[in-house]
Amino acid sequence: MTALTVQRGYDKIATFLGHSANGLDEVERRLDSIAERLRRAERQAQQLEAQVGDLYGPDSYELVRELHDKGRKHVYRIQGLPNVPQDWSLDLGEILYRLRSALDQAVNAAGLCHALRTGGAWADKAEFPVYWDRAEYANKGRKKIGTVDPHVLRVIEDAQPLRLLYPKRDWLWLTHDLNNIDKHRRIHILIISVDAAGYAIPYVSGHGYVEPLDWMKRKPIQNGDVVLRYTFPRPHPEIDLDPKLHIAPVIDYPEVGRHGLSSDLGGLVVQVAELTLKTVRADPWLRSWSPFVTTHRSPARHAKE
């Protein structure tokens, strides 16, 4: 591809942009913008994860034991839970926006490269469509991409949730939909949930049982709620089960379920960063672009290790 062809292609674009800088400089600025958005999203996610750990550690609550039926039934209620800071909802919205816009800008930069290379048309409003319905993608989604290299188009289409059996459970749809909720409707509601519980039962004759509770279905908990109800076969008031809980704020997302604010968010950062990189590097001119290294570990990568 000659420099003259590149410049001719850029002349068309420069008219739209309102300046006459070198076309490749414009591509570089757009790539820098993508990288900075992803870096900031990662830093914010790490800071939020640390704040969650500090506020909801093992000393963030107390359990009050109640004995019933002469000590056969042991009931533990939670007290002292701190409220979720509203700033966390705003931080979450900012992270989701940066992740989602990085994908859009990746398609935009790839489209600009393709226009420079071919001298063809370029759509400055190109974006990364995300669809779970095939008909809607065919009618609306494909148009949003504009003209890009076939390899870039393949990456975008292979990533669509519509290719999956349960598309609305896909991480890409989750990122897209959570961002839209925050951007257009409301900030996300964060609730407290018990992820897991452990307790020590010394050997006694016979077998007791644990009664099912709402938190086991990942429903929200609040101060005063019962977190463990254990019944022994005979009275044992001397035994303290000493339950240990793992408590974390989760995103109240009824469309699919509830997602951990810190645990699931770190995975989204990794997944979006990897897809953004893959989209950009699918363009022949940008195959060596590698501006960032994520320090979060995706669930899939962690499983392989």
Protein backbone atom coordinates (compact mmCIF):
# COMPACT_ATOMS: atom_id res chain seq x y z
CA MET A 1 0.00 0.00 0.00
CA THR A 2 1.62 3.29 -1.11
CA ALA A 3 1.86 6.41 1.02
CA LEU A 4 -0.11 8.24 -1.65
CA THR A 5 -3.05 5.83 -1.28
CA VAL A 6 -2.95 6.28 2.49
CA GLN A 7 -2.89 10.05 2.18
CA ARG A 8 -5.74 10.08 -0.33
CA GLY A 9 -7.80 7.97 2.03
CA TYR A 10 -6.98 10.29 4.89
CA ASP A 11 -7.82 13.41 2.88
CA LYS A 12 -11.46 12.24 2.84
CA ILE A 13 -11.38 11.59 6.57
CA ALA A 14 -9.56 14.84 7.41
CA THR A 15 -12.34 16.80 5.73
CA PHE A 16 -14.80 15.22 8.12
CA LEU A 17 -12.57 15.63 11.16
CA GLY A 18 -11.73 19.23 10.34
CA HIS A 19 -7.93 18.99 10.35
CA SER A 20 -5.18 17.74 8.10
CA ALA A 21 -2.79 15.87 10.40
CA ASN A 22 -1.26 12.64 9.20
CA GLY A 23 -3.78 9.81 9.15
CA LEU A 24 -1.60 7.39 11.05
CA ASP A 25 -1.17 9.93 13.84
CA GLU A 26 -4.96 9.97 14.18
CA VAL A 27 -4.98 6.17 14.44
CA GLU A 28 -2.32 6.33 17.15
CA ARG A 29 -4.34 8.87 19.15
CA ARG A 30 -7.35 6.59 19.02
CA LEU A 31 -5.33 3.59 20.15
CA ASP A 32 -3.91 5.62 23.04
CA SER A 33 -7.46 6.52 24.04
CA ILE A 34 -8.48 2.85 24.07
CA ALA A 35 -5.48 1.82 26.15
CA GLU A 36 -6.02 4.59 28.70
CA ARG A 37 -9.68 3.67 29.15
CA LEU A 38 -8.77 0.06 29.84
CA ARG A 39 -5.96 1.00 32.23
CA ARG A 40 -8.27 3.27 34.20
CA ALA A 41 -10.99 0.64 34.31
CA GLU A 42 -8.51 -1.87 35.67
CA ARG A 43 -7.18 0.52 38.31
CA GLN A 44 -10.70 1.41 39.44
CA ALA A 45 -11.69 -2.26 39.61
CA GLN A 46 -8.64 -3.04 41.74
CA GLN A 47 -9.34 -0.12 44.07
CA LEU A 48 -12.97 -1.18 44.41
CA GLU A 49 -11.93 -4.75 45.14
CA ALA A 50 -9.61 -3.53 47.91
CA GLN A 51 -12.35 -1.34 49.42
CA VAL A 52 -14.79 -4.26 49.44
CA GLY A 53 -12.23 -6.43 51.23
CA ASP A 54 -11.56 -3.75 53.82
CA LEU A 55 -15.21 -3.04 54.61
CA TYR A 56 -16.56 -6.59 54.49
CA GLY A 57 -13.76 -8.62 56.01
CA PRO A 58 -14.18 -11.29 58.70
CA ASP A 59 -14.43 -8.63 61.44
CA SER A 60 -17.15 -6.60 59.72
CA TYR A 61 -20.04 -8.32 61.52
CA GLU A 62 -20.93 -10.26 64.63
CA LEU A 63 -23.10 -13.33 65.08
CA VAL A 64 -25.48 -13.59 68.01
CA ARG A 65 -26.40 -17.13 69.10
CA GLU A 66 -29.88 -18.08 70.29
CA LEU A 67 -30.69 -21.44 71.88
CA HIS A 68 -34.14 -23.00 71.59
CA ASP A 69 -35.74 -26.27 72.70
CA LYS A 70 -33.32 -26.60 75.63
CA GLY A 71 -30.31 -26.29 73.35
CA ARG A 72 -31.34 -28.59 70.50
CA LYS A 73 -31.81 -25.71 68.05
CA HIS A 74 -28.97 -23.27 67.56
CA VAL A 75 -29.84 -20.05 65.73
CA TYR A 76 -27.27 -17.45 64.65
CA ARG A 77 -28.29 -13.94 63.66
CA ILE A 78 -26.03 -11.41 61.98
CA GLN A 79 -25.49 -7.94 63.44
CA GLY A 80 -23.27 -4.96 62.73
CA LEU A 81 -23.24 -5.17 58.94
CA PRO A 82 -22.09 -1.87 57.42
CA ASN A 83 -24.15 -0.29 54.64
CA VAL A 84 -22.84 -0.40 51.08
CA PRO A 85 -21.37 3.03 50.16
CA GLN A 86 -23.34 4.62 47.32
CA ASP A 87 -20.07 5.75 45.76
CA TRP A 88 -19.46 2.13 44.84
CA SER A 89 -22.46 2.18 42.50
CA LEU A 90 -21.03 5.27 40.79
CA ASP A 91 -17.58 3.68 40.54
CA LEU A 92 -19.14 0.58 39.01
CA GLY A 93 -20.92 2.71 36.38
CA GLU A 94 -17.67 4.44 35.44
CA ILE A 95 -15.85 1.13 35.05
CA LEU A 96 -18.60 -0.33 32.88
CA TYR A 97 -18.64 2.79 30.69
CA ARG A 98 -14.88 2.65 30.12
CA LEU A 99 -15.01 -1.04 29.25
CA ARG A 100 -17.91 -0.67 26.84
CA SER A 101 -16.49 2.42 25.13
CA ALA A 102 -13.10 0.72 24.65
CA LEU A 103 -14.82 -1.90 22.48
CA ASP A 104 -16.58 0.78 20.44
CA GLN A 105 -13.37 2.69 19.91
CA ALA A 106 -11.56 -0.48 18.85
CA VAL A 107 -14.00 -0.89 15.95
CA ASN A 108 -13.72 2.80 15.14
CA ALA A 109 -9.92 2.65 14.99
CA ALA A 110 -10.00 -0.50 12.86
CA GLY A 111 -12.43 1.19 10.49
CA LEU A 112 -10.16 4.21 10.20
CA CYS A 113 -7.17 1.98 9.38
CA HIS A 114 -9.18 0.18 6.72
CA ALA A 115 -10.23 3.47 5.13
CA LEU A 116 -6.64 4.73 5.09
CA ARG A 117 -5.45 1.51 3.54
CA THR A 118 -8.11 1.30 0.84
CA GLY A 119 -9.07 4.92 0.29
CA GLY A 120 -12.66 3.90 0.96
CA ALA A 121 -15.42 5.31 3.13
CA TRP A 122 -15.17 5.50 6.90
CA ALA A 123 -17.94 5.73 9.46
CA ASP A 124 -16.79 7.87 12.40
CA LYS A 125 -19.73 6.61 14.48
CA ALA A 126 -18.83 2.94 14.05
CA GLU A 127 -19.26 0.84 17.18
CA PHE A 128 -19.00 -2.69 18.53
CA PRO A 129 -22.54 -4.09 18.40
CA VAL A 130 -23.67 -6.57 21.06
CA TYR A 131 -26.77 -8.65 20.31
CA TRP A 132 -28.33 -11.81 21.67
CA ASP A 133 -30.99 -12.01 18.92
CA ARG A 134 -29.92 -13.07 15.41
CA ALA A 135 -32.68 -11.18 13.60
CA GLU A 136 -31.90 -7.93 15.42
CA TYR A 137 -28.21 -8.28 14.66
CA ALA A 138 -28.96 -8.81 10.98
CA ASN A 139 -31.32 -5.82 10.86
CA LYS A 140 -29.48 -3.38 13.10
CA GLY A 141 -26.20 -4.68 14.44
CA ARG A 142 -24.20 -5.24 11.26
CA LYS A 143 -24.78 -1.64 10.12
CA LYS A 144 -23.14 -0.27 13.28
CA ILE A 145 -19.76 -1.73 12.38
CA GLY A 146 -19.25 0.15 9.13
CA THR A 147 -16.49 -1.03 6.80
CA VAL A 148 -13.62 -2.91 8.43
CA ASP A 149 -11.13 -5.57 7.42
CA PRO A 150 -12.79 -9.02 7.08
CA HIS A 151 -10.62 -10.34 9.93
CA VAL A 152 -11.94 -7.62 12.25
CA LEU A 153 -15.50 -8.38 11.21
CA ARG A 154 -14.95 -12.05 12.00
CA VAL A 155 -13.74 -11.24 15.53
CA ILE A 156 -16.79 -9.05 16.17
CA GLU A 157 -19.27 -11.60 14.89
CA ASP A 158 -17.63 -14.53 16.67
CA ALA A 159 -17.94 -12.64 19.98
CA GLN A 160 -21.69 -12.05 19.69
CA PRO A 161 -23.76 -13.55 22.53
CA LEU A 162 -26.32 -14.73 19.95
CA ARG A 163 -23.99 -17.63 19.14
CA LEU A 164 -24.47 -19.13 22.61
CA LEU A 165 -27.16 -21.36 24.05
CA TYR A 166 -27.79 -18.91 26.91
CA PRO A 167 -26.76 -15.58 25.38
CA LYS A 168 -27.95 -13.39 28.25
CA ARG A 169 -25.55 -15.12 30.60
CA ASP A 170 -22.57 -14.22 28.45
CA TRP A 171 -19.97 -11.85 29.91
CA LEU A 172 -20.15 -9.56 26.84
CA TRP A 173 -23.92 -9.19 27.13
CA LEU A 174 -23.54 -8.63 30.87
CA THR A 175 -21.06 -5.78 30.27
CA HIS A 176 -23.25 -4.25 27.57
CA ASP A 177 -26.54 -4.48 29.47
CA LEU A 178 -25.18 -3.37 32.84
CA ASN A 179 -23.63 -0.35 31.14
CA ASN A 180 -26.93 0.52 29.43
CA ILE A 181 -28.84 0.25 32.72
CA ASP A 182 -26.37 2.59 34.43
CA LYS A 183 -26.21 5.00 31.50
CA HIS A 184 -29.89 5.26 30.63
CA ARG A 185 -31.99 4.20 33.63
CA ARG A 186 -30.38 4.23 37.07
CA ILE A 187 -27.23 3.51 39.02
CA HIS A 188 -26.93 -0.11 40.04
CA ILE A 189 -28.34 -1.33 43.32
CA LEU A 190 -25.78 -3.15 45.44
CA ILE A 191 -26.96 -5.56 48.11
CA ILE A 192 -25.17 -7.69 50.70
CA SER A 193 -25.07 -11.42 50.14
CA VAL A 194 -23.47 -14.43 51.83
CA ASP A 195 -21.32 -16.29 49.32
CA ALA A 196 -20.45 -19.15 51.64
CA ALA A 197 -20.60 -20.26 55.26
CA GLY A 198 -18.62 -22.72 57.33
CA TYR A 199 -19.11 -24.06 60.82
CA ALA A 200 -17.51 -26.68 63.05
CA ILE A 201 -19.66 -29.50 64.41
CA PRO A 202 -17.92 -31.71 67.00
CA TYR A 203 -18.80 -35.38 66.95
CA VAL A 204 -21.98 -36.18 68.82
CA SER A 205 -24.13 -39.28 68.66
CA GLY A 206 -26.76 -39.03 65.94
CA HIS A 207 -26.96 -36.55 63.06
CA GLY A 208 -28.28 -33.01 63.14
CA TYR A 209 -29.38 -30.97 60.16
CA VAL A 210 -29.13 -27.46 58.72
CA GLU A 211 -32.37 -25.75 57.75
CA PRO A 212 -32.38 -24.05 54.33
CA LEU A 213 -32.32 -20.26 54.47
CA ASP A 214 -32.92 -17.44 51.99
CA TRP A 215 -29.26 -16.43 51.72
CA MET A 216 -28.47 -19.89 50.30
CA LYS A 217 -30.39 -18.74 47.19
CA ARG A 218 -28.17 -15.64 47.12
CA LYS A 219 -30.90 -13.43 48.43
CA PRO A 220 -29.88 -10.26 50.27
CA ILE A 221 -29.23 -10.25 53.98
CA GLN A 222 -29.52 -7.47 56.54
CA ASN A 223 -28.89 -7.00 60.21
CA GLY A 224 -31.04 -9.32 62.30
CA ASP A 225 -31.36 -12.03 59.65
CA VAL A 226 -30.76 -15.68 60.54
CA VAL A 227 -27.65 -16.98 58.79
CA LEU A 228 -27.51 -20.44 60.36
CA ARG A 229 -30.15 -22.64 62.00
CA TYR A 230 -28.84 -26.02 63.13
CA THR A 231 -30.82 -28.69 65.01
CA PHE A 232 -29.04 -31.38 67.05
CA PRO A 233 -30.73 -34.75 67.74
CA ARG A 234 -30.64 -33.88 71.47
CA PRO A 235 -29.81 -30.75 73.50
CA HIS A 236 -26.21 -29.52 73.29
CA PRO A 237 -26.18 -25.98 74.68
CA GLU A 238 -22.45 -26.31 75.42
CA ILE A 239 -21.57 -26.51 71.71
CA ASP A 240 -20.86 -23.32 69.79
CA LEU A 241 -20.78 -23.94 66.05
CA ASP A 242 -18.74 -20.72 65.55
CA PRO A 243 -19.92 -20.02 61.97
CA LYS A 244 -17.63 -18.19 59.55
CA LEU A 245 -19.23 -16.27 56.68
CA HIS A 246 -17.91 -14.88 53.43
CA ILE A 247 -19.88 -11.70 52.86
CA ALA A 248 -19.75 -9.53 49.77
CA PRO A 249 -21.82 -6.88 47.99
CA VAL A 250 -23.40 -8.07 44.76
CA ILE A 251 -25.04 -6.31 41.83
CA ASP A 252 -28.80 -6.74 41.92
CA TYR A 253 -29.38 -7.84 38.33
CA PRO A 254 -32.71 -9.70 38.16
CA GLU A 255 -32.44 -10.29 34.40
CA VAL A 256 -29.84 -13.00 34.97
CA GLY A 257 -28.92 -13.22 38.61
CA ARG A 258 -26.65 -11.53 41.10
CA HIS A 259 -23.00 -10.90 40.38
CA GLY A 260 -20.22 -10.24 42.87
CA LEU A 261 -19.13 -6.61 42.82
CA SER A 262 -15.41 -7.36 43.11
CA SER A 263 -15.05 -10.99 42.02
CA ASP A 264 -17.09 -10.85 38.80
CA LEU A 265 -15.99 -7.32 37.91
CA GLY A 266 -12.33 -8.34 37.75
CA GLY A 267 -13.26 -11.05 35.25
CA LEU A 268 -15.15 -8.56 33.08
CA VAL A 269 -12.12 -6.28 32.93
CA VAL A 270 -9.93 -9.11 31.68
CA GLN A 271 -12.46 -10.36 29.14
CA VAL A 272 -13.12 -6.92 27.66
CA ALA A 273 -9.41 -6.08 27.50
CA GLU A 274 -8.67 -9.33 25.69
CA LEU A 275 -11.52 -8.85 23.19
CA THR A 276 -10.51 -5.23 22.58
CA LEU A 277 -6.94 -6.30 21.88
CA LYS A 278 -8.12 -9.09 19.60
CA THR A 279 -10.39 -6.71 17.66
CA VAL A 280 -7.68 -4.11 17.09
CA ARG A 281 -4.98 -6.63 16.21
CA ALA A 282 -7.20 -8.31 13.65
CA ASP A 283 -6.49 -5.34 11.37
CA PRO A 284 -3.35 -6.04 9.25
CA TRP A 285 -1.71 -2.74 10.25
CA LEU A 286 -2.24 -3.21 13.97
CA ARG A 287 -1.19 -6.80 14.60
CA SER A 288 1.69 -5.85 16.88
CA TRP A 289 -0.29 -3.44 19.07
CA SER A 290 0.05 -4.45 22.72
CA PRO A 291 -0.25 -1.43 24.98
CA PHE A 292 -1.38 -3.01 28.23
CA VAL A 293 -1.10 -6.09 30.39
CA THR A 294 -3.96 -6.86 32.76
CA THR A 295 -3.11 -7.96 36.26
CA HIS A 296 -6.53 -9.46 36.98
CA ARG A 297 -6.86 -13.12 36.07
CA SER A 298 -9.82 -14.31 34.09
CA PRO A 299 -11.78 -17.29 35.45
CA ALA A 300 -10.97 -19.36 32.36
CA ARG A 301 -7.25 -18.68 32.65
CA HIS A 302 -7.28 -19.38 36.37
CA ALA A 303 -9.00 -22.72 35.77
CA LYS A 304 -6.26 -23.84 33.36
CA GLU A 305 -3.58 -23.11 35.92
